[in-house]
Amino acid sequence: PGYLASSISFTEQTAVGLLTINLFKKDFGSQSQYETGMAINCLSNICSAEISRDIITDLMSLLSSSRAYLRKKTVLCLYRIFLKDPPALKTCFPKLKD
């Protein structure tokens, strides 16, 4: 898709939140770990508080992925989300502790 261009063009102030949530959710379930990794990377660059509230459960399910590449990318993305939306940490802490 256009994740590299999106990461460069959009910021958290850009009003693309609702348009991108479904695309992220679709790509998080992709068979290709690299496509999922690009989606996670883009999300960490353009994420706002409203996007994080809608997509945090999908990221939490990626933490239990069998692929270490996706788990590492997800943890880094969650770190960026927690900086922008601190209340999200409360919902994720039990899963992160495990």
N, C-alpha and C. Protein backbone atom coordinates (compact mmCIF):
# COMPACT_ATOMS: atom_id res chain seq x y z
N PRO A 1 0.85 -1.21 0.00
CA PRO A 1 0.00 0.00 0.00
C PRO A 1 0.87 1.23 0.00
N GLY A 2 0.65 2.29 0.51
CA GLY A 2 1.48 3.48 0.46
C GLY A 2 1.95 3.90 1.82
N TYR A 3 2.46 2.94 2.59
CA TYR A 3 2.83 3.25 3.97
C TYR A 3 4.02 4.19 4.07
N LEU A 4 4.98 4.05 3.18
CA LEU A 4 6.13 4.95 3.24
C LEU A 4 5.71 6.38 2.95
N ALA A 5 4.91 6.56 1.90
CA ALA A 5 4.43 7.90 1.57
C ALA A 5 3.54 8.46 2.68
N SER A 6 2.72 7.61 3.28
CA SER A 6 1.85 8.05 4.37
C SER A 6 2.66 8.47 5.58
N SER A 7 3.71 7.73 5.89
CA SER A 7 4.55 8.06 7.04
C SER A 7 5.23 9.41 6.86
N ILE A 8 5.58 9.72 5.63
CA ILE A 8 6.26 10.98 5.35
C ILE A 8 5.27 12.13 5.26
N SER A 9 4.11 11.88 4.67
CA SER A 9 3.15 12.95 4.40
C SER A 9 2.27 13.33 5.59
N PHE A 10 1.90 12.34 6.39
CA PHE A 10 0.94 12.59 7.47
C PHE A 10 1.64 12.69 8.81
N THR A 11 1.02 13.44 9.70
CA THR A 11 1.47 13.53 11.09
C THR A 11 0.28 13.21 11.97
N GLU A 12 0.46 13.28 13.28
CA GLU A 12 -0.66 12.99 14.17
C GLU A 12 -1.72 14.08 14.10
N GLN A 13 -1.38 15.27 13.58
CA GLN A 13 -2.36 16.34 13.45
C GLN A 13 -3.18 16.22 12.16
N THR A 14 -2.75 15.39 11.22
CA THR A 14 -3.49 15.21 9.98
C THR A 14 -4.76 14.42 10.26
N ALA A 15 -5.86 14.88 9.69
CA ALA A 15 -7.16 14.26 9.95
C ALA A 15 -7.41 13.06 9.04
N VAL A 16 -6.64 12.00 9.22
CA VAL A 16 -6.81 10.79 8.42
C VAL A 16 -7.13 9.59 9.30
N GLY A 17 -7.39 9.85 10.56
CA GLY A 17 -7.58 8.77 11.53
C GLY A 17 -8.61 7.75 11.16
N LEU A 18 -9.81 8.20 10.90
CA LEU A 18 -10.89 7.26 10.63
C LEU A 18 -10.71 6.55 9.30
N LEU A 19 -10.02 7.19 8.39
CA LEU A 19 -9.81 6.57 7.08
C LEU A 19 -8.77 5.44 7.13
N THR A 20 -7.85 5.53 8.06
CA THR A 20 -6.76 4.57 8.08
C THR A 20 -6.97 3.39 9.02
N ILE A 21 -7.87 3.52 9.96
CA ILE A 21 -8.04 2.47 10.97
C ILE A 21 -8.38 1.12 10.33
N ASN A 22 -9.32 1.11 9.40
CA ASN A 22 -9.70 -0.16 8.77
C ASN A 22 -8.56 -0.74 7.94
N LEU A 23 -7.79 0.12 7.30
CA LEU A 23 -6.64 -0.36 6.52
C LEU A 23 -5.59 -1.00 7.43
N PHE A 24 -5.33 -0.37 8.57
CA PHE A 24 -4.39 -0.96 9.52
C PHE A 24 -4.88 -2.31 10.01
N LYS A 25 -6.15 -2.38 10.38
CA LYS A 25 -6.69 -3.63 10.89
C LYS A 25 -6.59 -4.75 9.86
N LYS A 26 -6.83 -4.41 8.60
CA LYS A 26 -6.73 -5.42 7.54
C LYS A 26 -5.29 -5.90 7.39
N ASP A 27 -4.35 -4.99 7.40
CA ASP A 27 -2.95 -5.35 7.20
C ASP A 27 -2.32 -6.01 8.42
N PHE A 28 -2.87 -5.80 9.61
CA PHE A 28 -2.37 -6.50 10.78
C PHE A 28 -2.63 -8.00 10.68
N GLY A 29 -3.61 -8.38 9.90
CA GLY A 29 -3.93 -9.79 9.71
C GLY A 29 -3.29 -10.38 8.46
N SER A 30 -2.39 -9.66 7.82
CA SER A 30 -1.76 -10.12 6.59
C SER A 30 -0.86 -11.33 6.84
N GLN A 31 -0.71 -12.16 5.83
CA GLN A 31 0.17 -13.32 5.92
C GLN A 31 1.64 -12.91 5.87
N SER A 32 1.92 -11.78 5.24
CA SER A 32 3.30 -11.30 5.12
C SER A 32 3.68 -10.50 6.36
N GLN A 33 4.72 -10.93 7.04
CA GLN A 33 5.15 -10.19 8.24
C GLN A 33 5.70 -8.82 7.88
N TYR A 34 6.22 -8.68 6.67
CA TYR A 34 6.78 -7.39 6.27
C TYR A 34 5.69 -6.37 5.95
N GLU A 35 4.59 -6.82 5.40
CA GLU A 35 3.46 -5.93 5.17
C GLU A 35 2.87 -5.47 6.50
N THR A 36 2.75 -6.39 7.43
CA THR A 36 2.27 -6.03 8.76
C THR A 36 3.26 -5.09 9.44
N GLY A 37 4.55 -5.34 9.27
CA GLY A 37 5.58 -4.47 9.85
C GLY A 37 5.52 -3.06 9.30
N MET A 38 5.25 -2.93 8.00
CA MET A 38 5.12 -1.59 7.41
C MET A 38 3.91 -0.87 7.98
N ALA A 39 2.82 -1.59 8.19
CA ALA A 39 1.62 -0.99 8.77
C ALA A 39 1.89 -0.52 10.19
N ILE A 40 2.60 -1.33 10.97
CA ILE A 40 2.93 -0.96 12.35
C ILE A 40 3.83 0.27 12.37
N ASN A 41 4.81 0.31 11.48
CA ASN A 41 5.72 1.45 11.41
C ASN A 41 4.98 2.73 11.05
N CYS A 42 4.11 2.65 10.07
CA CYS A 42 3.32 3.82 9.67
C CYS A 42 2.43 4.28 10.82
N LEU A 43 1.81 3.33 11.48
CA LEU A 43 0.94 3.67 12.61
C LEU A 43 1.71 4.41 13.69
N SER A 44 2.91 3.96 13.99
CA SER A 44 3.68 4.62 15.04
C SER A 44 4.06 6.05 14.65
N ASN A 45 4.15 6.33 13.36
CA ASN A 45 4.49 7.69 12.91
C ASN A 45 3.30 8.63 12.87
N ILE A 46 2.12 8.12 12.55
CA ILE A 46 0.97 9.02 12.37
C ILE A 46 -0.08 8.87 13.45
N CYS A 47 0.16 8.07 14.44
CA CYS A 47 -0.85 7.77 15.45
C CYS A 47 -1.21 8.99 16.30
N SER A 48 -2.48 9.14 16.54
CA SER A 48 -2.99 10.16 17.46
C SER A 48 -3.73 9.43 18.57
N ALA A 49 -4.21 10.18 19.53
CA ALA A 49 -4.92 9.56 20.66
C ALA A 49 -6.20 8.87 20.19
N GLU A 50 -6.89 9.45 19.23
CA GLU A 50 -8.14 8.83 18.78
C GLU A 50 -7.88 7.55 17.99
N ILE A 51 -6.83 7.52 17.21
CA ILE A 51 -6.49 6.30 16.48
C ILE A 51 -6.07 5.21 17.47
N SER A 52 -5.28 5.59 18.46
CA SER A 52 -4.79 4.59 19.41
C SER A 52 -5.92 3.92 20.18
N ARG A 53 -6.95 4.68 20.52
CA ARG A 53 -8.08 4.09 21.25
C ARG A 53 -8.79 3.03 20.43
N ASP A 54 -8.83 3.23 19.12
CA ASP A 54 -9.54 2.29 18.25
C ASP A 54 -8.71 1.08 17.87
N ILE A 55 -7.39 1.19 17.93
CA ILE A 55 -6.55 0.14 17.36
C ILE A 55 -5.71 -0.60 18.40
N ILE A 56 -5.79 -0.18 19.66
CA ILE A 56 -4.93 -0.75 20.69
C ILE A 56 -5.18 -2.24 20.90
N THR A 57 -6.42 -2.69 20.77
CA THR A 57 -6.70 -4.12 20.98
C THR A 57 -6.07 -4.97 19.88
N ASP A 58 -6.02 -4.44 18.66
CA ASP A 58 -5.38 -5.18 17.57
C ASP A 58 -3.87 -5.27 17.79
N LEU A 59 -3.29 -4.21 18.32
CA LEU A 59 -1.85 -4.25 18.62
C LEU A 59 -1.57 -5.23 19.75
N MET A 60 -2.45 -5.29 20.73
CA MET A 60 -2.24 -6.22 21.83
C MET A 60 -2.28 -7.67 21.35
N SER A 61 -3.10 -7.95 20.36
CA SER A 61 -3.13 -9.32 19.83
C SER A 61 -1.85 -9.64 19.06
N LEU A 62 -1.20 -8.62 18.49
CA LEU A 62 0.06 -8.85 17.79
C LEU A 62 1.21 -9.18 18.75
N LEU A 63 1.05 -8.82 20.01
CA LEU A 63 2.09 -9.14 21.00
C LEU A 63 2.23 -10.64 21.22
N SER A 64 1.20 -11.40 20.91
CA SER A 64 1.28 -12.84 21.07
C SER A 64 1.56 -13.55 19.74
N SER A 65 2.07 -12.82 18.78
CA SER A 65 2.42 -13.40 17.48
C SER A 65 3.59 -14.36 17.64
N SER A 66 3.64 -15.34 16.78
CA SER A 66 4.76 -16.29 16.83
C SER A 66 6.02 -15.72 16.18
N ARG A 67 5.88 -14.61 15.50
CA ARG A 67 7.02 -13.98 14.81
C ARG A 67 7.65 -12.90 15.68
N ALA A 68 8.91 -13.07 16.01
CA ALA A 68 9.62 -12.12 16.87
C ALA A 68 9.70 -10.74 16.22
N TYR A 69 9.83 -10.70 14.90
CA TYR A 69 9.89 -9.44 14.16
C TYR A 69 8.66 -8.58 14.46
N LEU A 70 7.48 -9.19 14.43
CA LEU A 70 6.24 -8.45 14.67
C LEU A 70 6.09 -8.05 16.13
N ARG A 71 6.50 -8.92 17.04
CA ARG A 71 6.43 -8.57 18.46
C ARG A 71 7.31 -7.37 18.78
N LYS A 72 8.51 -7.33 18.23
CA LYS A 72 9.42 -6.21 18.48
C LYS A 72 8.87 -4.92 17.92
N LYS A 73 8.37 -4.96 16.70
CA LYS A 73 7.79 -3.77 16.08
C LYS A 73 6.57 -3.29 16.86
N THR A 74 5.77 -4.22 17.35
CA THR A 74 4.58 -3.86 18.10
C THR A 74 4.94 -3.18 19.41
N VAL A 75 5.94 -3.69 20.11
CA VAL A 75 6.36 -3.07 21.37
C VAL A 75 6.85 -1.65 21.13
N LEU A 76 7.61 -1.44 20.08
CA LEU A 76 8.10 -0.09 19.77
C LEU A 76 6.95 0.84 19.39
N CYS A 77 5.99 0.32 18.67
CA CYS A 77 4.82 1.12 18.31
C CYS A 77 4.01 1.48 19.55
N LEU A 78 3.83 0.51 20.45
CA LEU A 78 3.11 0.78 21.69
C LEU A 78 3.81 1.85 22.53
N TYR A 79 5.12 1.84 22.53
CA TYR A 79 5.88 2.87 23.25
C TYR A 79 5.52 4.26 22.73
N ARG A 80 5.50 4.39 21.40
CA ARG A 80 5.15 5.69 20.80
C ARG A 80 3.70 6.07 21.11
N ILE A 81 2.83 5.08 21.13
CA ILE A 81 1.42 5.34 21.45
C ILE A 81 1.28 5.78 22.91
N PHE A 82 2.00 5.14 23.82
CA PHE A 82 1.92 5.51 25.23
C PHE A 82 2.42 6.93 25.47
N LEU A 83 3.38 7.38 24.68
CA LEU A 83 3.84 8.76 24.81
C LEU A 83 2.76 9.75 24.39
N LYS A 84 1.96 9.37 23.41
CA LYS A 84 0.91 10.27 22.90
C LYS A 84 -0.41 10.10 23.64
N ASP A 85 -0.67 8.92 24.17
CA ASP A 85 -1.93 8.62 24.85
C ASP A 85 -1.64 7.79 26.11
N PRO A 86 -1.19 8.44 27.20
CA PRO A 86 -0.82 7.70 28.41
C PRO A 86 -1.90 6.80 29.01
N PRO A 87 -3.20 7.13 28.94
CA PRO A 87 -4.20 6.21 29.50
C PRO A 87 -4.22 4.84 28.82
N ALA A 88 -3.70 4.73 27.63
CA ALA A 88 -3.67 3.44 26.94
C ALA A 88 -2.78 2.44 27.68
N LEU A 89 -1.82 2.94 28.43
CA LEU A 89 -0.93 2.05 29.18
C LEU A 89 -1.68 1.25 30.23
N LYS A 90 -2.72 1.85 30.83
CA LYS A 90 -3.50 1.13 31.85
C LYS A 90 -4.14 -0.12 31.28
N THR A 91 -4.67 -0.03 30.06
CA THR A 91 -5.34 -1.18 29.47
C THR A 91 -4.35 -2.24 29.00
N CYS A 92 -3.14 -1.82 28.67
CA CYS A 92 -2.16 -2.75 28.08
C CYS A 92 -1.19 -3.33 29.09
N PHE A 93 -1.09 -2.75 30.26
CA PHE A 93 -0.04 -3.15 31.20
C PHE A 93 -0.07 -4.63 31.57
N PRO A 94 -1.22 -5.22 31.85
CA PRO A 94 -1.20 -6.66 32.22
C PRO A 94 -0.62 -7.54 31.12
N LYS A 95 -0.93 -7.24 29.88
CA LYS A 95 -0.41 -8.04 28.75
C LYS A 95 1.09 -7.79 28.55
N LEU A 96 1.52 -6.56 28.75
CA LEU A 96 2.95 -6.23 28.61
C LEU A 96 3.78 -6.88 29.70
N LYS A 97 3.20 -7.00 30.88
CA LYS A 97 3.90 -7.60 32.01
C LYS A 97 4.21 -9.07 31.76
N ASP A 98 3.31 -9.73 31.03
CA ASP A 98 3.51 -11.15 30.72
C ASP A 98 4.60 -11.26 29.69
